C-alpha atoms as a PDB file:
ATOM      1  CA  MET A   1      67.356 206.222  34.847  1.00  0.00           C
ATOM      2  CA  GLY A   2      70.602 208.106  34.811  1.00  0.00           C
ATOM      3  CA  GLY A   3      74.430 206.680  34.327  1.00  0.00           C
ATOM      4  CA  TYR A   4      74.959 203.850  31.915  1.00  0.00           C
ATOM      5  CA  ALA A   5      72.413 201.214  30.823  1.00  0.00           C
ATOM      6  CA  TRP A   6      72.123 197.721  32.839  1.00  0.00           C
ATOM      7  CA  THR A   7      73.314 194.844  31.519  1.00  0.00           C
ATOM      8  CA  ASP A   8      70.526 191.915  31.518  1.00  0.00           C
ATOM      9  CA  GLN A   9      72.993 189.919  33.910  1.00  0.00           C
ATOM     10  CA  GLU A  10      73.072 192.680  37.083  1.00  0.00           C
ATOM     11  CA  LYS A  11      68.871 193.376  36.324  1.00  0.00           C
ATOM     12  CA  ALA A  12      68.857 189.809  37.179  1.00  0.00           C
ATOM     13  CA  LEU A  13      71.181 189.892  40.226  1.00  0.00           C
ATOM     14  CA  VAL A  14      69.059 192.704  41.668  1.00  0.00           C
ATOM     15  CA  ILE A  15      66.256 190.299  41.010  1.00  0.00           C
ATOM     16  CA  TYR A  16      67.246 187.406  42.534  1.00  0.00           C
ATOM     17  CA  PHE A  17      69.065 188.790  45.654  1.00  0.00           C
ATOM     18  CA  SER A  18      66.165 190.978  46.591  1.00  0.00           C
ATOM     19  CA  SER A  19      64.114 187.990  46.183  1.00  0.00           C
ATOM     20  CA  LEU A  20      66.102 186.406  49.304  1.00  0.00           C
ATOM     21  CA  GLY A  21      65.366 189.682  51.596  1.00  0.00           C
ATOM     22  CA  ILE A  22      68.498 191.051  51.185  1.00  0.00           C
ATOM     23  CA  GLN A  23      69.234 194.666  51.848  1.00  0.00           C
ATOM     24  CA  GLN A  24      70.212 196.840  48.715  1.00  0.00           C
ATOM     25  CA  ARG A  25      73.379 198.458  50.081  1.00  0.00           C
ATOM     26  CA  VAL A  26      74.569 194.395  50.511  1.00  0.00           C
ATOM     27  CA  ILE A  27      73.421 193.788  46.653  1.00  0.00           C
ATOM     28  CA  VAL A  28      75.353 196.886  45.799  1.00  0.00           C
ATOM     29  CA  GLU A  29      78.915 194.721  47.525  1.00  0.00           C
ATOM     30  CA  LEU A  30      77.247 191.561  46.280  1.00  0.00           C
ATOM     31  CA  LEU A  31      77.712 193.156  42.731  1.00  0.00           C
ATOM     32  CA  ARG A  32      80.929 194.781  43.482  1.00  0.00           C
ATOM     33  CA  GLU A  33      81.984 190.988  43.918  1.00  0.00           C
ATOM     34  CA  ARG A  34      80.878 190.269  39.982  1.00  0.00           C
ATOM     35  CA  ASN A  35      82.647 193.472  38.699  1.00  0.00           C
ATOM     36  CA  PHE A  36      79.249 195.384  37.958  1.00  0.00           C
ATOM     37  CA  SER A  37      79.170 199.303  39.415  1.00  0.00           C
ATOM     38  CA  ARG A  38      76.390 200.755  40.781  1.00  0.00           C
ATOM     39  CA  THR A  39      75.003 202.693  43.849  1.00  0.00           C
ATOM     40  CA  GLU A  40      72.653 202.146  46.382  1.00  0.00           C
ATOM     41  CA  VAL A  41      70.114 204.945  44.588  1.00  0.00           C
ATOM     42  CA  ALA A  42      70.763 202.381  41.197  1.00  0.00           C
ATOM     43  CA  VAL A  43      69.408 199.632  42.526  1.00  0.00           C
ATOM     44  CA  SER A  44      66.591 200.771  44.693  1.00  0.00           C
ATOM     45  CA  GLY A  45      65.479 202.579  41.361  1.00  0.00           C
ATOM     46  CA  MET A  46      65.862 199.417  38.972  1.00  0.00           C
ATOM     47  CA  LEU A  47      64.393 197.500  41.982  1.00  0.00           C
ATOM     48  CA  GLN A  48      60.763 200.467  41.017  1.00  0.00           C
ATOM     49  CA  ALA A  49      61.372 200.015  37.552  1.00  0.00           C
ATOM     50  CA  ILE A  50      60.896 195.680  37.862  1.00  0.00           C
ATOM     51  CA  GLN A  51      58.004 196.496  40.273  1.00  0.00           C
ATOM     52  CA  LYS A  52      56.437 198.929  37.903  1.00  0.00           C
ATOM     53  CA  SER A  53      56.911 196.400  35.237  1.00  0.00           C
ATOM     54  CA  THR A  54      55.571 193.228  36.433  1.00  0.00           C
ATOM     55  CA  GLY A  55      52.690 194.750  38.512  1.00  0.00           C
ATOM     56  CA  ALA A  56      54.062 193.811  41.574  1.00  0.00           C
ATOM     57  CA  LEU A  57      53.545 196.257  44.761  1.00  0.00           C
ATOM     58  CA  LYS A  58      56.093 195.036  46.959  1.00  0.00           C
ATOM     59  CA  ARG A  59      58.242 191.023  45.971  1.00  0.00           C
ATOM     60  CA  LEU A  60      57.511 189.282  43.354  1.00  0.00           C
ATOM     61  CA  ALA A  61      56.425 185.297  43.712  1.00  0.00           C
ATOM     62  CA  ARG A  62      59.109 182.778  43.737  1.00  0.00           C
ATOM     63  CA  GLU A  63      57.857 181.921  40.370  1.00  0.00           C
ATOM     64  CA  LYS A  64      57.853 185.369  38.881  1.00  0.00           C
ATOM     65  CA  VAL A  65      61.260 185.633  40.025  1.00  0.00           C
ATOM     66  CA  ASP A  66      62.796 182.448  38.470  1.00  0.00           C
ATOM     67  CA  ALA A  67      60.725 183.378  35.583  1.00  0.00           C
ATOM     68  CA  LEU A  68      62.230 186.633  34.773  1.00  0.00           C
ATOM     69  CA  VAL A  69      66.063 185.634  36.125  1.00  0.00           C
ATOM     70  CA  ARG A  70      66.015 182.978  33.528  1.00  0.00           C
ATOM     71  CA  ASP A  71      64.574 185.169  30.203  1.00  0.00           C
ATOM     72  CA  LEU A  72      67.158 187.406  31.218  1.00  0.00           C
ATOM     73  CA  LEU A  73      70.085 185.306  31.551  1.00  0.00           C
ATOM     74  CA  ALA A  74      68.943 183.273  29.188  1.00  0.00           C
ATOM     75  CA  GLY A  75      71.945 181.603  26.578  1.00  0.00           C
ATOM     76  CA  ASP A  76      73.990 182.679  29.506  1.00  0.00           C
ATOM     77  CA  ASN A  77      75.865 180.727  32.093  1.00  0.00           C
ATOM     78  CA  MET A  78      73.267 181.393  35.306  1.00  0.00           C
ATOM     79  CA  ASP A  79      74.377 178.726  37.295  1.00  0.00           C
ATOM     80  CA  ALA A  80      77.956 180.249  37.016  1.00  0.00           C
ATOM     81  CA  LEU A  81      76.542 183.889  37.669  1.00  0.00           C
ATOM     82  CA  LEU A  82      74.320 183.102  40.789  1.00  0.00           C
ATOM     83  CA  LEU A  83      76.548 180.559  42.476  1.00  0.00           C
ATOM     84  CA  PRO A  84      77.249 182.034  45.874  1.00  0.00           C
ATOM     85  CA  THR A  85      81.086 182.207  47.083  1.00  0.00           C
ATOM     86  CA  VAL A  86      82.533 182.236  50.645  1.00  0.00           C
ATOM     87  CA  GLU A  87      83.165 185.995  50.371  1.00  0.00           C
ATOM     88  CA  ASP A  88      78.933 186.684  49.020  1.00  0.00           C
ATOM     89  CA  GLN A  89      78.473 184.927  52.122  1.00  0.00           C
ATOM     90  CA  MET A  90      80.911 186.876  53.914  1.00  0.00           C
ATOM     91  CA  ILE A  91      78.798 190.058  52.617  1.00  0.00           C
ATOM     92  CA  VAL A  92      75.794 188.798  53.440  1.00  0.00           C
ATOM     93  CA  ASP A  93      76.483 187.383  56.744  1.00  0.00           C
ATOM     94  CA  ARG A  94      77.269 190.747  58.123  1.00  0.00           C
ATOM     95  CA  THR A  95      74.014 191.931  58.179  1.00  0.00           C
ATOM     96  CA  HIS A  96      71.964 189.250  57.344  1.00  0.00           C
ATOM     97  CA  LYS A  97      73.030 185.820  59.277  1.00  0.00           C
ATOM     98  CA  ASN A  98      69.692 183.858  58.400  1.00  0.00           C
ATOM     99  CA  ILE A  99      70.526 183.876  54.234  1.00  0.00           C
ATOM    100  CA  ASP A 100      72.234 180.942  53.494  1.00  0.00           C
ATOM    101  CA  LEU A 101      73.451 181.533  49.762  1.00  0.00           C
ATOM    102  CA  LEU A 102      74.311 178.321  48.963  1.00  0.00           C
ATOM    103  CA  GLN A 103      70.715 176.798  50.500  1.00  0.00           C
ATOM    104  CA  HIS A 104      69.061 179.139  48.543  1.00  0.00           C
ATOM    105  CA  TYR A 105      70.966 179.443  44.924  1.00  0.00           C
ATOM    106  CA  LEU A 106      70.437 175.191  45.520  1.00  0.00           C
ATOM    107  CA  GLU A 107      67.319 175.254  45.718  1.00  0.00           C
ATOM    108  CA  TRP A 108      66.457 177.780  42.988  1.00  0.00           C
ATOM    109  CA  SER A 109      68.896 176.078  40.737  1.00  0.00           C
ATOM    110  CA  LYS A 110      66.736 172.404  41.142  1.00  0.00           C
ATOM    111  CA  ARG A 111      63.600 174.408  40.543  1.00  0.00           C
ATOM    112  CA  ILE A 112      64.771 175.682  36.764  1.00  0.00           C
ATOM    113  CA  HIS A 113      66.653 172.601  36.351  1.00  0.00           C
ATOM    114  CA  ASP A 114      63.330 170.817  36.857  1.00  0.00           C
ATOM    115  CA  SER A 115      61.185 173.537  35.046  1.00  0.00           C
ATOM    116  CA  SER A 116      62.647 172.605  31.722  1.00  0.00           C
ATOM    117  CA  LEU A 117      62.413 168.879  31.653  1.00  0.00           C
END
């Protein structure tokens, strides 16, 4: 892949948002909201690389998504990075009116924190 190396935070965000069914062009905007600059082509390439490395043909199972995100963000403040803002929801609402980012985040957070007990 050209450009500069992906951070673990960027990879985790791409995996997480993609797992919610969010289009790649929308993921680009969500990354931008967190001060990451990636193109749609770069996001697509990263998702293909992740699918290849995990052996997943299309979508990753929820447990695999949770494990990947948790592993990539180990030591970072996962909750702060993934907690959706009003702006995030407005971006998503333009193309995905049925995706409630806060609801998905709360479900994810509960699964992650329950599994660490």
